[in-house]
Amino acid sequence: MDILKDLWLFMKERKKFWLLPIIIVLLLLGILIVFGGSSAIAPFIYTLF
């Protein structure tokens, strides 16, 4: 959680709020890959890509 706190403070101090959507999309894609690779829904996720 310290990484998220440091990242938020960096964006707040330097006015880099445009980074937030990029970070959210990357986190969602990472979660999708991790959970999709080891579950029964993997064939459905692979059709998206």
PDB file of N, CA and C in Angstrom:
ATOM      1  N   MET A   1       0.815  -1.196   0.000  1.00  0.00           N
ATOM      2  CA  MET A   1       0.000   0.000   0.000  1.00  0.00           C
ATOM      3  C   MET A   1       0.863   1.266   0.000  1.00  0.00           C
ATOM      4  N   ASP A   2       2.090   1.157   0.448  1.00  0.00           N
ATOM      5  CA  ASP A   2       2.972   2.330   0.438  1.00  0.00           C
ATOM      6  C   ASP A   2       3.259   2.803  -0.988  1.00  0.00           C
ATOM      7  N   ILE A   3       3.325   1.858  -1.907  1.00  0.00           N
ATOM      8  CA  ILE A   3       3.585   2.228  -3.293  1.00  0.00           C
ATOM      9  C   ILE A   3       2.429   3.067  -3.836  1.00  0.00           C
ATOM     10  N   LEU A   4       1.208   2.653  -3.539  1.00  0.00           N
ATOM     11  CA  LEU A   4       0.048   3.414  -4.000  1.00  0.00           C
ATOM     12  C   LEU A   4      -0.009   4.791  -3.361  1.00  0.00           C
ATOM     13  N   LYS A   5       0.341   4.850  -2.082  1.00  0.00           N
ATOM     14  CA  LYS A   5       0.349   6.135  -1.378  1.00  0.00           C
ATOM     15  C   LYS A   5       1.410   7.063  -1.965  1.00  0.00           C
ATOM     16  N   ASP A   6       2.598   6.530  -2.213  1.00  0.00           N
ATOM     17  CA  ASP A   6       3.665   7.332  -2.810  1.00  0.00           C
ATOM     18  C   ASP A   6       3.309   7.783  -4.222  1.00  0.00           C
ATOM     19  N   LEU A   7       2.682   6.888  -4.976  1.00  0.00           N
ATOM     20  CA  LEU A   7       2.275   7.241  -6.330  1.00  0.00           C
ATOM     21  C   LEU A   7       1.229   8.350  -6.314  1.00  0.00           C
ATOM     22  N   TRP A   8       0.263   8.249  -5.403  1.00  0.00           N
ATOM     23  CA  TRP A   8      -0.768   9.288  -5.296  1.00  0.00           C
ATOM     24  C   TRP A   8      -0.154  10.626  -4.890  1.00  0.00           C
ATOM     25  N   LEU A   9       0.759  10.610  -3.927  1.00  0.00           N
ATOM     26  CA  LEU A   9       1.399  11.860  -3.502  1.00  0.00           C
ATOM     27  C   LEU A   9       2.228  12.468  -4.632  1.00  0.00           C
ATOM     28  N   PHE A  10       2.885  11.628  -5.423  1.00  0.00           N
ATOM     29  CA  PHE A  10       3.650  12.118  -6.572  1.00  0.00           C
ATOM     30  C   PHE A  10       2.730  12.801  -7.586  1.00  0.00           C
ATOM     31  N   MET A  11       1.614  12.119  -7.911  1.00  0.00           N
ATOM     32  CA  MET A  11       0.693  12.693  -8.892  1.00  0.00           C
ATOM     33  C   MET A  11       0.060  13.980  -8.369  1.00  0.00           C
ATOM     34  N   LYS A  12      -0.233  14.021  -7.093  1.00  0.00           N
ATOM     35  CA  LYS A  12      -0.860  15.207  -6.501  1.00  0.00           C
ATOM     36  C   LYS A  12       0.108  16.392  -6.477  1.00  0.00           C
ATOM     37  N   GLU A  13       1.352  16.116  -6.128  1.00  0.00           N
ATOM     38  CA  GLU A  13       2.338  17.195  -6.014  1.00  0.00           C
ATOM     39  C   GLU A  13       2.756  17.744  -7.375  1.00  0.00           C
ATOM     40  N   ARG A  14       2.929  16.864  -8.343  1.00  0.00           N
ATOM     41  CA  ARG A  14       3.420  17.286  -9.656  1.00  0.00           C
ATOM     42  C   ARG A  14       2.302  17.532 -10.671  1.00  0.00           C
ATOM     43  N   LYS A  15       1.049  17.414 -10.239  1.00  0.00           N
ATOM     44  CA  LYS A  15      -0.116  17.639 -11.109  1.00  0.00           C
ATOM     45  C   LYS A  15      -0.099  16.705 -12.323  1.00  0.00           C
ATOM     46  N   LYS A  16       0.166  15.436 -12.080  1.00  0.00           N
ATOM     47  CA  LYS A  16       0.217  14.435 -13.145  1.00  0.00           C
ATOM     48  C   LYS A  16      -1.000  13.519 -13.079  1.00  0.00           C
ATOM     49  N   PHE A  17      -2.179  14.106 -12.975  1.00  0.00           N
ATOM     50  CA  PHE A  17      -3.392  13.312 -12.838  1.00  0.00           C
ATOM     51  C   PHE A  17      -3.751  12.557 -14.109  1.00  0.00           C
ATOM     52  N   TRP A  18      -3.151  12.907 -15.227  1.00  0.00           N
ATOM     53  CA  TRP A  18      -3.416  12.197 -16.461  1.00  0.00           C
ATOM     54  C   TRP A  18      -2.843  10.787 -16.415  1.00  0.00           C
ATOM     55  N   LEU A  19      -1.951  10.504 -15.467  1.00  0.00           N
ATOM     56  CA  LEU A  19      -1.395   9.157 -15.322  1.00  0.00           C
ATOM     57  C   LEU A  19      -2.397   8.177 -14.715  1.00  0.00           C
ATOM     58  N   LEU A  20      -3.385   8.686 -13.992  1.00  0.00           N
ATOM     59  CA  LEU A  20      -4.324   7.823 -13.270  1.00  0.00           C
ATOM     60  C   LEU A  20      -5.082   6.861 -14.186  1.00  0.00           C
ATOM     61  N   PRO A  21      -5.672   7.285 -15.300  1.00  0.00           N
ATOM     62  CA  PRO A  21      -6.359   6.311 -16.161  1.00  0.00           C
ATOM     63  C   PRO A  21      -5.432   5.241 -16.734  1.00  0.00           C
ATOM     64  N   ILE A  22      -4.206   5.628 -17.043  1.00  0.00           N
ATOM     65  CA  ILE A  22      -3.238   4.663 -17.581  1.00  0.00           C
ATOM     66  C   ILE A  22      -2.924   3.604 -16.530  1.00  0.00           C
ATOM     67  N   ILE A  23      -2.710   4.021 -15.306  1.00  0.00           N
ATOM     68  CA  ILE A  23      -2.390   3.096 -14.229  1.00  0.00           C
ATOM     69  C   ILE A  23      -3.564   2.168 -13.947  1.00  0.00           C
ATOM     70  N   ILE A  24      -4.771   2.698 -13.961  1.00  0.00           N
ATOM     71  CA  ILE A  24      -5.957   1.877 -13.701  1.00  0.00           C
ATOM     72  C   ILE A  24      -6.132   0.813 -14.791  1.00  0.00           C
ATOM     73  N   VAL A  25      -5.953   1.196 -16.047  1.00  0.00           N
ATOM     74  CA  VAL A  25      -6.088   0.238 -17.145  1.00  0.00           C
ATOM     75  C   VAL A  25      -5.026  -0.845 -17.045  1.00  0.00           C
ATOM     76  N   LEU A  26      -3.800  -0.475 -16.732  1.00  0.00           N
ATOM     77  CA  LEU A  26      -2.741  -1.471 -16.591  1.00  0.00           C
ATOM     78  C   LEU A  26      -3.013  -2.435 -15.440  1.00  0.00           C
ATOM     79  N   LEU A  27      -3.519  -1.918 -14.318  1.00  0.00           N
ATOM     80  CA  LEU A  27      -3.856  -2.790 -13.196  1.00  0.00           C
ATOM     81  C   LEU A  27      -4.984  -3.747 -13.555  1.00  0.00           C
ATOM     82  N   LEU A  28      -6.010  -3.253 -14.237  1.00  0.00           N
ATOM     83  CA  LEU A  28      -7.124  -4.116 -14.635  1.00  0.00           C
ATOM     84  C   LEU A  28      -6.678  -5.195 -15.619  1.00  0.00           C
ATOM     85  N   LEU A  29      -5.834  -4.846 -16.561  1.00  0.00           N
ATOM     86  CA  LEU A  29      -5.312  -5.850 -17.491  1.00  0.00           C
ATOM     87  C   LEU A  29      -4.461  -6.891 -16.778  1.00  0.00           C
ATOM     88  N   GLY A  30      -3.668  -6.464 -15.823  1.00  0.00           N
ATOM     89  CA  GLY A  30      -2.863  -7.403 -15.049  1.00  0.00           C
ATOM     90  C   GLY A  30      -3.716  -8.359 -14.250  1.00  0.00           C
ATOM     91  N   ILE A  31      -4.756  -7.836 -13.619  1.00  0.00           N
ATOM     92  CA  ILE A  31      -5.667  -8.687 -12.842  1.00  0.00           C
ATOM     93  C   ILE A  31      -6.382  -9.669 -13.763  1.00  0.00           C
ATOM     94  N   LEU A  32      -6.808  -9.199 -14.930  1.00  0.00           N
ATOM     95  CA  LEU A  32      -7.482 -10.061 -15.892  1.00  0.00           C
ATOM     96  C   LEU A  32      -6.574 -11.193 -16.356  1.00  0.00           C
ATOM     97  N   ILE A  33      -5.321 -10.897 -16.602  1.00  0.00           N
ATOM     98  CA  ILE A  33      -4.381 -11.919 -17.053  1.00  0.00           C
ATOM     99  C   ILE A  33      -4.094 -12.927 -15.948  1.00  0.00           C
ATOM    100  N   VAL A  34      -3.908 -12.456 -14.723  1.00  0.00           N
ATOM    101  CA  VAL A  34      -3.590 -13.359 -13.616  1.00  0.00           C
ATOM    102  C   VAL A  34      -4.751 -14.299 -13.319  1.00  0.00           C
ATOM    103  N   PHE A  35      -5.955 -13.739 -13.203  1.00  0.00           N
ATOM    104  CA  PHE A  35      -7.097 -14.578 -12.865  1.00  0.00           C
ATOM    105  C   PHE A  35      -7.612 -15.359 -14.070  1.00  0.00           C
ATOM    106  N   GLY A  36      -7.450 -14.818 -15.247  1.00  0.00           N
ATOM    107  CA  GLY A  36      -7.935 -15.490 -16.440  1.00  0.00           C
ATOM    108  C   GLY A  36      -7.085 -16.670 -16.866  1.00  0.00           C
ATOM    109  N   GLY A  37      -5.824 -16.634 -16.547  1.00  0.00           N
ATOM    110  CA  GLY A  37      -4.933 -17.720 -16.939  1.00  0.00           C
ATOM    111  C   GLY A  37      -5.111 -18.981 -16.124  1.00  0.00           C
ATOM    112  N   SER A  38      -5.678 -18.864 -14.953  1.00  0.00           N
ATOM    113  CA  SER A  38      -5.790 -20.032 -14.079  1.00  0.00           C
ATOM    114  C   SER A  38      -7.237 -20.354 -13.712  1.00  0.00           C
ATOM    115  N   SER A  39      -8.168 -19.986 -14.562  1.00  0.00           N
ATOM    116  CA  SER A  39      -9.562 -20.252 -14.223  1.00  0.00           C
ATOM    117  C   SER A  39     -10.287 -20.900 -15.394  1.00  0.00           C
ATOM    118  N   ALA A  40     -11.541 -21.202 -15.174  1.00  0.00           N
ATOM    119  CA  ALA A  40     -12.351 -21.842 -16.214  1.00  0.00           C
ATOM    120  C   ALA A  40     -12.796 -20.856 -17.282  1.00  0.00           C
ATOM    121  N   ILE A  41     -12.667 -19.573 -17.016  1.00  0.00           N
ATOM    122  CA  ILE A  41     -13.090 -18.581 -18.011  1.00  0.00           C
ATOM    123  C   ILE A  41     -11.961 -18.188 -18.956  1.00  0.00           C
ATOM    124  N   ALA A  42     -10.823 -18.864 -18.862  1.00  0.00           N
ATOM    125  CA  ALA A  42      -9.667 -18.535 -19.701  1.00  0.00           C
ATOM    126  C   ALA A  42      -9.984 -18.577 -21.197  1.00  0.00           C
ATOM    127  N   PRO A  43     -10.702 -19.581 -21.707  1.00  0.00           N
ATOM    128  CA  PRO A  43     -10.983 -19.569 -23.160  1.00  0.00           C
ATOM    129  C   PRO A  43     -11.795 -18.360 -23.607  1.00  0.00           C
ATOM    130  N   PHE A  44     -12.655 -17.845 -22.744  1.00  0.00           N
ATOM    131  CA  PHE A  44     -13.451 -16.684 -23.108  1.00  0.00           C
ATOM    132  C   PHE A  44     -12.621 -15.411 -23.094  1.00  0.00           C
ATOM    133  N   ILE A  45     -11.656 -15.343 -22.204  1.00  0.00           N
ATOM    134  CA  ILE A  45     -10.794 -14.167 -22.131  1.00  0.00           C
ATOM    135  C   ILE A  45      -9.837 -14.148 -23.327  1.00  0.00           C
ATOM    136  N   TYR A  46      -9.358 -15.315 -23.731  1.00  0.00           N
ATOM    137  CA  TYR A  46      -8.431 -15.370 -24.857  1.00  0.00           C
ATOM    138  C   TYR A  46      -9.089 -14.911 -26.154  1.00  0.00           C
ATOM    139  N   THR A  47     -10.412 -15.070 -26.253  1.00  0.00           N
ATOM    140  CA  THR A  47     -11.079 -14.608 -27.470  1.00  0.00           C
ATOM    141  C   THR A  47     -11.125 -13.081 -27.546  1.00  0.00           C
ATOM    142  N   LEU A  48     -10.985 -12.393 -26.393  1.00  0.00           N
ATOM    143  CA  LEU A  48     -10.969 -10.938 -26.403  1.00  0.00           C
ATOM    144  C   LEU A  48      -9.684 -10.402 -27.043  1.00  0.00           C
ATOM    145  N   PHE A  49      -8.610 -11.140 -26.915  1.00  0.00           N
ATOM    146  CA  PHE A  49      -7.329 -10.700 -27.425  1.00  0.00           C
ATOM    147  C   PHE A  49      -7.000 -11.446 -28.692  1.00  0.00           C
TER     148      PHE A  49
END
